[in-house]
Protein backbone atom coordinates (compact mmCIF):
# COMPACT_ATOMS: atom_id res chain seq x y z
CA MET A 1 -3.21 -11.41 -12.84
CA VAL A 2 -0.31 -10.60 -10.98
CA TYR A 3 2.80 -12.32 -12.02
CA ASN A 4 1.76 -12.35 -16.27
CA THR A 5 1.58 -8.95 -16.76
CA ASN A 6 3.13 -5.89 -15.94
CA PRO A 7 3.64 -4.89 -12.30
CA ILE A 8 2.87 -1.30 -12.73
CA ARG A 9 -0.32 -1.76 -14.69
CA SER A 10 -1.36 -4.51 -12.81
CA MET A 11 -0.69 -2.09 -9.63
CA ASN A 12 -2.91 0.58 -11.30
CA ALA A 13 -5.66 -1.96 -12.34
CA LEU A 14 -5.95 -2.73 -9.32
CA ILE A 15 -6.16 0.72 -7.54
CA ASN A 16 -8.61 1.52 -10.25
CA GLY A 17 -11.30 -1.02 -9.71
CA GLY A 18 -11.46 -2.56 -6.61
CA LEU A 19 -9.85 -0.07 -4.21
CA SER A 20 -12.93 2.15 -3.77
CA HIS A 21 -15.74 -0.65 -4.31
CA LYS A 22 -18.54 -1.27 -1.61
CA HIS A 23 -17.94 -4.85 -0.75
CA THR A 24 -15.45 -6.00 1.81
CA ALA A 25 -14.68 -9.04 0.21
CA VAL A 26 -13.97 -6.97 -3.03
CA ARG A 27 -11.05 -4.53 -1.49
CA LYS A 28 -9.99 -7.29 0.57
CA SER A 29 -9.14 -9.29 -2.23
CA THR A 30 -7.68 -5.96 -4.22
CA ALA A 31 -5.12 -5.42 -0.88
CA ARG A 32 -4.04 -8.86 -1.00
CA HIS A 33 -3.18 -8.54 -5.20
CA LEU A 34 -1.07 -5.61 -4.77
CA GLU A 35 0.63 -7.22 -1.78
CA LYS A 36 2.17 -9.58 -3.48
CA VAL A 37 2.88 -6.76 -6.52
CA THR A 38 4.53 -4.94 -4.10
CA GLU A 39 6.73 -7.83 -3.36
CA VAL A 40 7.27 -8.05 -7.14
CA ILE A 41 8.15 -4.21 -7.40
CA GLY A 42 10.54 -4.21 -4.68
CA ALA A 43 10.49 -1.07 -2.34
CA ALA A 44 13.31 0.90 -3.86
CA ARG A 45 11.28 1.02 -6.90
CA LEU A 46 8.27 1.77 -5.81
CA LEU A 47 8.71 4.83 -3.36
CA SER A 48 11.75 6.18 -5.14
CA GLY A 49 10.61 5.39 -8.91
CA LYS A 50 7.95 8.09 -10.18
CA LYS A 51 5.76 10.73 -8.99
CA ASP A 52 2.65 9.20 -9.73
CA LEU A 53 3.48 5.98 -9.18
CA THR A 54 4.80 6.48 -5.79
CA ALA A 55 1.48 8.95 -5.33
CA ARG A 56 -0.64 6.07 -5.89
CA PHE A 57 0.61 3.95 -4.05
CA ILE A 58 1.12 6.02 -0.81
CA HIS A 59 -3.12 7.12 -1.11
CA THR A 60 -3.69 3.00 -1.51
CA ALA A 61 -1.57 2.21 0.74
CA SER A 62 -3.68 4.87 3.60
CA CYS A 63 -7.27 3.73 2.57
CA LEU A 64 -6.14 0.38 2.58
CA ALA A 65 -4.20 0.82 6.30
CA LEU A 66 -7.40 3.00 6.98
CA ASP A 67 -10.74 0.79 6.12
CA ASN A 68 -12.88 -0.09 8.26
CA THR A 69 -12.25 -4.40 8.03
CA LEU A 70 -10.19 -5.82 9.89
CA GLU A 71 -8.51 -7.86 7.09
CA VAL A 72 -8.37 -5.16 4.69
CA ARG A 73 -6.06 -3.31 7.42
CA ASN A 74 -4.21 -6.51 7.86
CA GLN A 75 -3.59 -7.02 4.47
CA ALA A 76 -1.83 -3.03 4.16
CA ARG A 77 0.02 -4.00 7.14
CA ASN A 78 1.36 -6.50 5.20
CA ILE A 79 2.19 -4.12 2.07
CA LEU A 80 3.39 -1.66 4.32
CA SER A 81 5.83 -4.45 6.18
CA VAL A 82 7.34 -4.75 2.68
CA VAL A 83 8.17 -1.19 2.06
CA ALA A 84 9.32 -0.03 5.95
CA SER A 85 13.39 -1.19 5.10
CA HIS A 86 13.02 1.96 2.97
CA PRO A 87 14.24 5.02 4.76
CA ASP A 88 12.06 7.54 2.79
CA LEU A 89 9.42 5.76 3.63
CA ILE A 90 7.77 8.64 6.24
CA LYS A 91 8.99 11.66 4.13
CA MET A 92 7.21 9.91 0.67
CA VAL A 93 3.91 9.81 3.54
CA GLU A 94 4.03 13.18 4.60
CA ARG A 95 4.74 14.21 0.44
CA PHE A 96 1.58 12.24 -0.49
CA ALA A 97 -0.79 10.94 1.80
CA PRO A 98 -3.69 13.35 2.23
CA LEU A 99 -3.12 15.22 5.66
CA SER A 100 -5.92 14.22 8.07
CA ASP A 101 -4.64 10.16 7.55
CA GLN A 102 -0.98 11.51 8.07
CA ILE A 103 -0.35 10.91 11.48
CA ARG A 104 -2.54 7.27 11.83
CA MET A 105 -0.42 6.11 8.73
CA LYS A 106 3.33 6.85 10.80
CA ASP A 107 1.38 5.41 13.80
CA PHE A 108 0.74 2.22 11.61
CA ILE A 109 4.54 2.15 9.63
CA ASN A 110 5.78 2.72 13.42
CA LYS A 111 4.10 -0.45 13.95
CA CYS A 112 5.14 -2.18 11.04
CA GLN A 113 8.73 -1.47 11.77
CA LYS A 114 8.83 -2.51 14.87
CA ARG A 115 7.39 -5.67 14.97
CA PRO A 116 7.14 -7.22 11.18
CA LEU A 117 4.78 -10.31 10.92
CA ARG A 118 6.31 -11.98 8.20
């Protein structure tokens, strides 16, 4: 699905369908596919694009990074390591992430920037 459709549409479908699902395996699979979509789209286009796309991506990354399941958090770390090189990532988190999650997201991003997983 990720490579055969428009990346923006596949990202929207993944966010709408699997982000808030009750089952852990669905959230894990959603995070894995979002990682692939993030690699296809790229950090520059994802974070400097349209406001709606950037806001949804940051909100999704914060939800995945603070999930209860370890596998989902690891996939979120991989997603954030793809976009961690972008200079405006912290600004975008301050602007679009929920206030209650901003401090933990900044710590999470700093960890990704210090020790990339790839």
